[in-house]
């Protein structure tokens, strides 16, 4: 299986690993850092502001990805990560720190949109779920390695060193992207101009991907909530220092174990049936987190929640690409990402508001997340008819993209 993918595909996976490791490196240390700056009551904004600008920038990244190219969009997103990593040591007040989080969100508004469109261009429709699973594995490895490495660097060196390491990883991601060949067909490419930043109403959202977008919003709401409260919950359970990131490690390790199988299964049996099961597993993980009086139970919840995410994520990506018009693939992916950012942002905001630094309220945060996933299950069972599995001949324009891509970029 692994040998059937090209050098270009694996370079994109490496770039994704470096990018996700870059900004996830900061996550375990930011709540305590904001508290030291005097803004402990604004912990919910650490994730919420980041996702706000990511969501705002998605329509622009989708349009530019479909007009200027996939690679320029990716490079811009990674460069934002570089600059923000270098700027964090100079953000010494609550206001400047939150402003920087707002700016940092532009990175994920651009890089993942270009990445997903690039991979969709070079992967046949009947291998799309499997390929998105592989891409998700490398991104998840970055998300797992980032928090663990960030806490270690901050403890053994300094917080500023951690910020500079984040910038360095993002810069390496840019360098890898520089070795790739653009996959947007020549007939669609335009030179960048400011007029491209003027969006028409029909260029903001892609209605064809409404079903996966709504499912994404409901299933990613818990992720924003979990990211907001897990550092505090870990400390309350006695996880500190090198063990502070243990939840993230367990969560990500379990998600990696099922991502490849989930993608391949959805290629064979369909996206919606797999999503129904994945949402059920997510709900079980959140139910465990509602009641987690000890570290073992807490980590079991992390593992189950990770399994649900591993089943869910590549299938949502593949379903979105299946439904997208190939000439507006970037816009379709951007729409799904807007839903993702709205879900994560709402989850973070409401989690911070409910928790309010009061440990007794943690179960209510996870209960609200559970309600969101149960709503997703209801929608997938009652509101969505399972489409047939994707077939290679169903994506005629993908063949055109493959034809114009450099040979080494073709899967």
Protein backbone atom coordinates (compact mmCIF):
# COMPACT_ATOMS: atom_id res chain seq x y z
CA UNK A 1 0.00 0.00 0.00
CA UNK A 2 2.64 2.52 1.08
CA UNK A 3 4.76 1.93 -2.01
CA UNK A 4 1.91 2.92 -4.32
CA UNK A 5 2.21 6.58 -3.28
CA UNK A 6 4.58 9.03 -4.94
CA UNK A 7 7.51 11.04 -3.67
CA UNK A 8 5.41 14.20 -3.97
CA UNK A 9 2.67 12.74 -1.78
CA UNK A 10 5.14 11.79 0.95
CA UNK A 11 6.78 15.21 0.83
CA UNK A 12 3.35 16.74 1.37
CA UNK A 13 2.88 14.43 4.36
CA UNK A 14 6.24 15.58 5.76
CA UNK A 15 5.25 19.21 5.28
CA UNK A 16 1.98 18.54 7.10
CA UNK A 17 3.82 16.89 10.00
CA UNK A 18 6.13 19.89 10.42
CA UNK A 19 3.30 22.40 10.16
CA UNK A 20 1.06 20.74 12.75
CA UNK A 21 3.97 20.15 15.09
CA UNK A 22 4.81 23.85 14.82
CA UNK A 23 1.64 25.35 16.28
CA UNK A 24 0.73 22.39 18.50
CA UNK A 25 4.13 22.74 20.17
CA UNK A 26 2.69 25.72 22.06
CA UNK A 27 -0.65 24.35 23.26
CA UNK A 28 0.19 22.80 26.65
CA UNK A 29 2.10 25.88 27.84
CA UNK A 30 -0.15 28.69 26.60
CA UNK A 31 -2.86 28.53 29.33
CA UNK A 32 -0.28 28.86 32.12
CA UNK A 33 1.59 31.52 30.14
CA UNK A 34 -1.59 33.59 29.71
CA UNK A 35 -2.31 33.22 33.43
CA UNK A 36 1.18 34.56 34.24
CA UNK A 37 0.47 37.54 31.98
CA UNK A 38 -2.64 38.24 34.07
CA UNK A 39 -5.27 36.88 31.67
CA UNK A 40 -6.28 33.60 33.26
CA UNK A 41 -9.97 34.34 32.70
CA UNK A 42 -9.35 34.49 28.92
CA UNK A 43 -8.15 30.90 28.49
CA UNK A 44 -11.06 30.11 26.19
CA UNK A 45 -9.79 32.76 23.78
CA UNK A 46 -6.49 30.91 23.21
CA UNK A 47 -8.25 28.52 20.85
CA UNK A 48 -11.29 30.64 19.97
CA UNK A 49 -9.34 33.60 18.53
CA UNK A 50 -7.06 31.25 16.62
CA UNK A 51 -10.03 29.51 15.02
CA UNK A 52 -11.88 32.78 14.37
CA UNK A 53 -9.30 34.11 11.93
CA UNK A 54 -8.81 30.64 10.48
CA UNK A 55 -12.53 30.54 9.64
CA UNK A 56 -12.53 34.10 8.27
CA UNK A 57 -9.61 33.36 5.99
CA UNK A 58 -11.01 30.07 4.60
CA UNK A 59 -13.10 31.59 1.76
CA UNK A 60 -10.03 33.53 0.61
CA UNK A 61 -7.75 30.51 0.79
CA UNK A 62 -10.31 28.41 -1.06
CA UNK A 63 -10.66 30.95 -3.88
CA UNK A 64 -6.91 31.55 -4.15
CA UNK A 65 -6.27 27.81 -4.14
CA UNK A 66 -8.61 27.45 -7.14
CA UNK A 67 -7.15 30.43 -9.01
CA UNK A 68 -3.54 31.19 -8.04
CA UNK A 69 -2.53 27.68 -6.99
CA UNK A 70 -2.29 25.21 -4.15
CA UNK A 71 1.38 25.77 -3.31
CA UNK A 72 1.28 29.59 -2.88
CA UNK A 73 -1.63 29.17 -0.45
CA UNK A 74 0.32 26.59 1.56
CA UNK A 75 3.48 28.69 1.65
CA UNK A 76 1.59 31.76 2.87
CA UNK A 77 0.00 29.79 5.71
CA UNK A 78 3.32 28.33 6.83
CA UNK A 79 5.05 31.72 6.73
CA UNK A 80 2.43 33.13 9.11
CA UNK A 81 3.43 30.38 11.56
CA UNK A 82 7.09 31.38 11.21
CA UNK A 83 6.42 35.04 11.92
CA UNK A 84 4.10 34.38 14.85
CA UNK A 85 6.56 31.99 16.45
CA UNK A 86 9.19 34.71 16.33
CA UNK A 87 6.76 37.31 17.73
CA UNK A 88 5.44 35.46 20.82
CA UNK A 89 8.45 36.35 23.03
CA UNK A 90 7.65 40.03 22.43
CA UNK A 91 3.93 39.73 23.30
CA UNK A 92 4.28 40.63 26.99
CA UNK A 93 0.73 41.82 27.70
CA UNK A 94 -2.64 40.10 27.61
CA UNK A 95 -3.85 42.28 24.72
CA UNK A 96 -0.77 41.73 22.55
CA UNK A 97 -0.81 37.99 23.28
CA UNK A 98 -4.46 37.64 22.25
CA UNK A 99 -3.85 39.76 19.15
CA UNK A 100 -1.03 37.40 18.18
CA UNK A 101 -3.31 34.40 18.64
CA UNK A 102 -5.76 36.13 16.31
CA UNK A 103 -3.06 36.59 13.67
CA UNK A 104 -1.68 33.07 14.15
CA UNK A 105 -5.04 31.63 13.09
CA UNK A 106 -4.44 32.75 9.50
CA UNK A 107 -1.87 29.97 9.22
CA UNK A 108 -4.43 27.19 9.57
CA UNK A 109 -6.83 29.15 7.38
CA UNK A 110 -4.43 28.71 4.46
CA UNK A 111 -2.03 25.78 4.81
CA UNK A 112 -4.49 22.86 5.33
CA UNK A 113 -6.81 24.13 2.56
CA UNK A 114 -3.98 24.07 0.02
CA UNK A 115 -2.72 20.73 1.33
CA UNK A 116 -6.06 18.94 1.05
CA UNK A 117 -6.69 20.34 -2.44
CA UNK A 118 -3.18 19.34 -3.57
CA UNK A 119 -3.61 15.77 -2.32
CA UNK A 120 -7.11 15.51 -3.83
CA UNK A 121 -5.61 16.57 -7.18
CA UNK A 122 -3.08 13.74 -7.27
CA UNK A 123 -5.12 10.90 -5.73
CA UNK A 124 -7.70 8.85 -7.69
CA UNK A 125 -11.24 8.96 -6.30
CA UNK A 126 -11.24 5.29 -5.25
CA UNK A 127 -8.12 5.83 -3.06
CA UNK A 128 -9.18 9.17 -1.61
CA UNK A 129 -10.18 7.95 1.84
CA UNK A 130 -7.00 5.93 2.24
CA UNK A 131 -4.82 8.83 1.12
CA UNK A 132 -6.57 11.27 3.46
CA UNK A 133 -6.02 8.73 6.22
CA UNK A 134 -2.29 8.68 5.50
CA UNK A 135 -2.17 12.47 5.39
CA UNK A 136 -4.08 12.54 8.66
CA UNK A 137 -1.61 10.14 10.26
CA UNK A 138 1.32 12.44 9.55
CA UNK A 139 -0.62 15.50 10.71
CA UNK A 140 -1.62 13.67 13.88
CA UNK A 141 1.97 12.64 14.52
CA UNK A 142 2.84 16.33 14.39
CA UNK A 143 -0.04 17.13 16.73
CA UNK A 144 1.19 14.46 19.16
CA UNK A 145 4.88 15.28 18.96
CA UNK A 146 4.27 19.03 19.25
CA UNK A 147 2.72 19.20 22.76
CA UNK A 148 5.13 16.64 24.23
CA UNK A 149 8.18 18.34 22.73
CA UNK A 150 6.90 21.81 23.63
CA UNK A 151 6.54 20.97 27.31
CA UNK A 152 10.00 19.36 27.34
CA UNK A 153 11.66 22.34 25.64
CA UNK A 154 9.93 24.84 27.95
CA UNK A 155 10.96 22.89 31.04
CA UNK A 156 14.59 22.22 30.07
CA UNK A 157 15.34 25.46 28.23
CA UNK A 158 12.83 28.29 28.25
CA UNK A 159 9.43 29.37 26.99
CA UNK A 160 11.06 31.64 24.41
CA UNK A 161 13.12 28.72 23.10
CA UNK A 162 9.85 26.83 22.61
CA UNK A 163 8.45 29.73 20.57
CA UNK A 164 11.57 29.83 18.37
CA UNK A 165 11.40 26.06 17.85
CA UNK A 166 7.82 26.51 16.65
CA UNK A 167 9.00 29.07 14.09
CA UNK A 168 11.82 26.75 12.98
CA UNK A 169 9.49 23.83 12.32
CA UNK A 170 7.18 26.04 10.26
CA UNK A 171 10.16 27.26 8.22
CA UNK A 172 11.16 23.65 7.47
CA UNK A 173 7.60 23.06 6.24
CA UNK A 174 8.00 25.99 3.82
CA UNK A 175 11.27 24.53 2.50
CA UNK A 176 9.63 21.17 1.84
CA UNK A 177 6.77 22.85 -0.05
CA UNK A 178 9.36 24.53 -2.27
CA UNK A 179 10.29 21.11 -3.71
CA UNK A 180 6.76 20.35 -4.96
CA UNK A 181 5.17 20.97 -8.37
CA UNK A 182 1.91 22.93 -8.67
CA UNK A 183 -1.10 20.69 -9.48
CA UNK A 184 -3.74 23.30 -10.35
CA UNK A 185 -4.33 22.92 -14.12
CA UNK A 186 -2.70 25.66 -16.19
CA UNK A 187 -6.06 26.67 -17.66
CA UNK A 188 -7.36 27.59 -14.21
CA UNK A 189 -4.33 29.53 -12.97
CA UNK A 190 -4.33 33.32 -12.70
CA UNK A 191 -1.73 35.79 -11.57
CA UNK A 192 -2.48 37.11 -8.08
CA UNK A 193 -4.18 40.50 -7.90
CA UNK A 194 -6.03 42.32 -5.15
CA UNK A 195 -9.27 41.84 -7.08
CA UNK A 196 -9.11 38.14 -6.18
CA UNK A 197 -9.63 39.11 -2.54
CA UNK A 198 -13.08 40.53 -3.35
CA UNK A 199 -15.50 37.72 -2.63
CA UNK A 200 -18.92 37.36 -4.17
CA UNK A 201 -21.67 35.83 -2.05
CA UNK A 202 -21.48 32.52 -3.93
CA UNK A 203 -17.71 32.31 -3.38
CA UNK A 204 -17.85 32.11 0.41
CA UNK A 205 -19.50 28.72 0.89
CA UNK A 206 -19.93 25.70 -1.37
CA UNK A 207 -23.53 24.42 -0.95
CA UNK A 208 -22.67 21.01 -2.42
CA UNK A 209 -20.72 20.10 0.73
CA UNK A 210 -23.36 21.24 3.26
CA UNK A 211 -23.84 17.73 4.72
CA UNK A 212 -20.17 17.02 5.54
CA UNK A 213 -19.75 20.61 6.73
CA UNK A 214 -22.58 20.35 9.28
CA UNK A 215 -21.30 16.96 10.44
CA UNK A 216 -17.82 18.44 10.82
CA UNK A 217 -19.11 21.32 12.94
CA UNK A 218 -20.99 19.02 15.32
CA UNK A 219 -18.17 16.48 15.64
CA UNK A 220 -15.37 19.06 16.04
CA UNK A 221 -17.15 21.11 18.71
CA UNK A 222 -15.80 18.70 21.38
CA UNK A 223 -12.24 19.13 20.13
CA UNK A 224 -12.24 22.86 20.89
CA UNK A 225 -13.73 22.20 24.31
CA UNK A 226 -11.22 19.47 25.11
CA UNK A 227 -8.22 21.59 24.05
CA UNK A 228 -9.41 24.37 26.35
CA UNK A 229 -9.89 22.41 29.57
CA UNK A 230 -7.57 19.39 29.30
CA UNK A 231 -4.40 21.25 30.50
CA UNK A 232 -6.24 22.26 33.70
CA UNK A 233 -7.89 18.87 34.10
CA UNK A 234 -4.50 17.16 33.69
CA UNK A 235 -3.00 19.32 36.44
CA UNK A 236 -5.95 18.67 38.75
CA UNK A 237 -5.36 14.93 38.36
CA UNK A 238 -1.66 15.32 39.19
CA UNK A 239 -0.22 15.27 35.67
CA UNK A 240 2.52 17.90 35.55
CA UNK A 241 5.91 18.47 33.96
CA UNK A 242 6.74 15.77 31.37
CA UNK A 243 3.38 14.04 31.97
CA UNK A 244 1.31 17.17 31.31
CA UNK A 245 0.89 16.21 27.65
CA UNK A 246 -0.02 12.56 28.39
CA UNK A 247 -3.66 13.05 27.38
CA UNK A 248 -2.59 14.38 23.96
CA UNK A 249 -0.19 11.48 23.47
CA UNK A 250 -2.82 8.83 24.31
CA UNK A 251 -5.45 10.62 22.23
CA UNK A 252 -3.23 10.91 19.17
CA UNK A 253 -1.66 7.46 19.43
CA UNK A 254 -5.09 5.82 19.43
CA UNK A 255 -6.28 7.93 16.50
CA UNK A 256 -3.25 6.90 14.45
CA UNK A 257 -4.08 3.24 14.89
CA UNK A 258 -7.38 3.50 13.04
CA UNK A 259 -6.92 6.33 10.52
CA UNK A 260 -5.60 4.15 7.70
CA UNK A 261 -8.24 1.47 8.22
CA UNK A 262 -11.02 4.06 8.45
CA UNK A 263 -10.05 5.72 5.19
CA UNK A 264 -9.80 2.43 3.34
CA UNK A 265 -13.08 1.14 4.79
CA UNK A 266 -14.89 4.30 3.71
CA UNK A 267 -13.52 3.82 0.17
CA UNK A 268 -15.18 0.39 0.15
CA UNK A 269 -18.32 0.76 2.26
CA UNK A 270 -19.11 4.47 1.95
CA UNK A 271 -18.48 7.63 3.95
CA UNK A 272 -21.78 7.96 5.84
CA UNK A 273 -21.86 4.47 7.41
CA UNK A 274 -18.30 4.95 8.71
CA UNK A 275 -19.19 8.39 10.07
CA UNK A 276 -22.17 6.98 11.98
CA UNK A 277 -19.89 4.53 13.78
CA UNK A 278 -17.15 7.10 14.36
CA UNK A 279 -19.60 9.53 15.97
CA UNK A 280 -20.81 6.76 18.27
CA UNK A 281 -17.23 6.11 19.40
CA UNK A 282 -16.67 9.84 19.95
CA UNK A 283 -19.79 9.92 22.12
CA UNK A 284 -18.52 6.99 24.20
CA UNK A 285 -15.17 8.73 24.77
CA UNK A 286 -16.87 11.92 25.91
CA UNK A 287 -19.16 9.96 28.22
CA UNK A 288 -16.05 8.55 29.90
CA UNK A 289 -14.57 12.05 30.26
CA UNK A 290 -17.75 13.29 31.92
CA UNK A 291 -16.85 10.93 34.76
CA UNK A 292 -13.06 10.70 35.10
CA UNK A 293 -12.08 10.71 38.79
CA UNK A 294 -8.61 9.26 38.24
CA UNK A 295 -5.74 9.32 35.75
CA UNK A 296 -6.46 5.81 34.34
CA UNK A 297 -10.11 6.65 33.58
CA UNK A 298 -9.04 10.03 32.17
CA UNK A 299 -6.58 8.37 29.80
CA UNK A 300 -9.11 5.69 28.78
CA UNK A 301 -11.38 8.57 27.75
CA UNK A 302 -8.49 10.02 25.74
CA UNK A 303 -7.95 6.72 23.93
CA UNK A 304 -11.63 6.24 23.04
CA UNK A 305 -11.98 9.87 21.96
CA UNK A 306 -8.89 9.42 19.78
CA UNK A 307 -10.33 6.28 18.18
CA UNK A 308 -13.47 8.20 17.27
CA UNK A 309 -11.44 11.04 15.80
CA UNK A 310 -9.29 8.63 13.81
CA UNK A 311 -12.39 7.06 12.28
CA UNK A 312 -14.03 10.42 11.69
CA UNK A 313 -11.43 12.76 10.25
CA UNK A 314 -10.23 11.12 6.98
CA UNK A 315 -13.78 10.12 6.13
CA UNK A 316 -15.05 13.70 6.46
CA UNK A 317 -12.23 14.96 4.21
CA UNK A 318 -12.91 12.32 1.57
CA UNK A 319 -16.69 12.89 1.66
CA UNK A 320 -16.13 16.63 1.18
CA UNK A 321 -13.91 16.06 -1.86
CA UNK A 322 -16.40 13.52 -3.28
CA UNK A 323 -19.16 16.13 -3.28
CA UNK A 324 -17.06 19.10 -4.45
CA UNK A 325 -17.10 20.38 -8.01
CA UNK A 326 -13.53 19.58 -9.19
CA UNK A 327 -13.14 23.13 -10.55
CA UNK A 328 -14.10 24.51 -7.11
CA UNK A 329 -12.36 21.90 -5.01
CA UNK A 330 -10.51 24.49 -2.95
CA UNK A 331 -13.80 26.24 -2.13
CA UNK A 332 -15.43 22.97 -1.12
CA UNK A 333 -12.55 22.07 1.19
CA UNK A 334 -12.51 25.62 2.58
CA UNK A 335 -16.24 25.34 3.39
CA UNK A 336 -15.60 22.17 5.37
CA UNK A 337 -12.75 23.90 7.19
CA UNK A 338 -14.97 26.90 8.00
CA UNK A 339 -17.37 24.49 9.69
CA UNK A 340 -14.42 22.89 11.49
CA UNK A 341 -13.17 26.24 12.80
CA UNK A 342 -16.68 27.34 13.84
CA UNK A 343 -17.14 24.07 15.71
CA UNK A 344 -13.76 24.24 17.44
CA UNK A 345 -14.13 27.95 18.21
CA UNK A 346 -17.61 27.57 19.70
CA UNK A 347 -16.42 24.59 21.71
CA UNK A 348 -13.49 26.55 23.10
CA UNK A 349 -15.53 29.65 23.93
CA UNK A 350 -18.33 27.77 25.65
CA UNK A 351 -15.88 25.50 27.47
CA UNK A 352 -13.98 28.50 28.84
CA UNK A 353 -17.22 30.20 29.87
CA UNK A 354 -18.66 27.10 31.56
CA UNK A 355 -15.41 26.03 33.24
CA UNK A 356 -14.41 29.49 34.51
CA UNK A 357 -11.46 27.95 36.43
CA UNK A 358 -13.87 25.98 38.65
CA UNK A 359 -12.93 22.26 38.68
CA UNK A 360 -16.44 21.15 39.63
CA UNK A 361 -17.72 22.38 36.26
CA UNK A 362 -15.48 20.14 34.11
CA UNK A 363 -18.15 17.40 33.72
CA UNK A 364 -20.57 19.99 32.30
CA UNK A 365 -18.05 20.91 29.59
CA UNK A 366 -17.76 17.29 28.45
CA UNK A 367 -21.53 16.77 28.73
CA UNK A 368 -22.15 19.66 26.33
CA UNK A 369 -19.64 18.14 23.90
CA UNK A 370 -21.44 14.81 24.18
CA UNK A 371 -24.75 16.52 23.29
CA UNK A 372 -23.14 17.96 20.14
CA UNK A 373 -21.95 14.54 18.97
CA UNK A 374 -25.35 12.98 19.71
CA UNK A 375 -26.87 15.65 17.46
CA UNK A 376 -24.42 14.60 14.72
CA UNK A 377 -25.48 10.97 15.12
CA UNK A 378 -29.13 11.97 14.79
CA UNK A 379 -28.39 13.97 11.64
CA UNK A 380 -26.37 11.14 10.04
CA UNK A 381 -29.12 8.62 10.78
CA UNK A 382 -32.16 10.70 9.89
CA UNK A 383 -31.02 13.61 7.72
CA UNK A 384 -28.46 12.07 5.34
CA UNK A 385 -28.93 9.35 2.77
CA UNK A 386 -25.78 7.31 2.37
CA UNK A 387 -24.42 7.90 -1.17
CA UNK A 388 -22.77 5.07 -3.15
CA UNK A 389 -19.07 4.58 -2.65
CA UNK A 390 -16.84 6.68 -4.94
CA UNK A 391 -15.70 5.18 -8.23
CA UNK A 392 -12.59 6.13 -10.24
CA UNK A 393 -14.60 7.12 -13.31
CA UNK A 394 -16.72 9.58 -11.32
CA UNK A 395 -14.03 12.24 -11.21
CA UNK A 396 -13.22 13.21 -14.76
CA UNK A 397 -11.47 16.46 -13.90
CA UNK A 398 -9.15 14.66 -11.49
CA UNK A 399 -7.67 12.96 -14.55
CA UNK A 400 -6.95 16.38 -16.07
CA UNK A 401 -5.17 17.48 -12.90
CA UNK A 402 -3.13 14.28 -12.94
CA UNK A 403 -2.17 14.91 -16.53
CA UNK A 404 -0.77 18.39 -15.87
CA UNK A 405 1.03 17.42 -12.66
CA UNK A 406 4.67 16.45 -12.85
CA UNK A 407 5.04 12.63 -13.11
CA UNK A 408 6.60 12.34 -9.67
CA UNK A 409 3.54 14.01 -8.11
CA UNK A 410 1.07 11.39 -9.35
CA UNK A 411 -0.09 8.74 -6.94
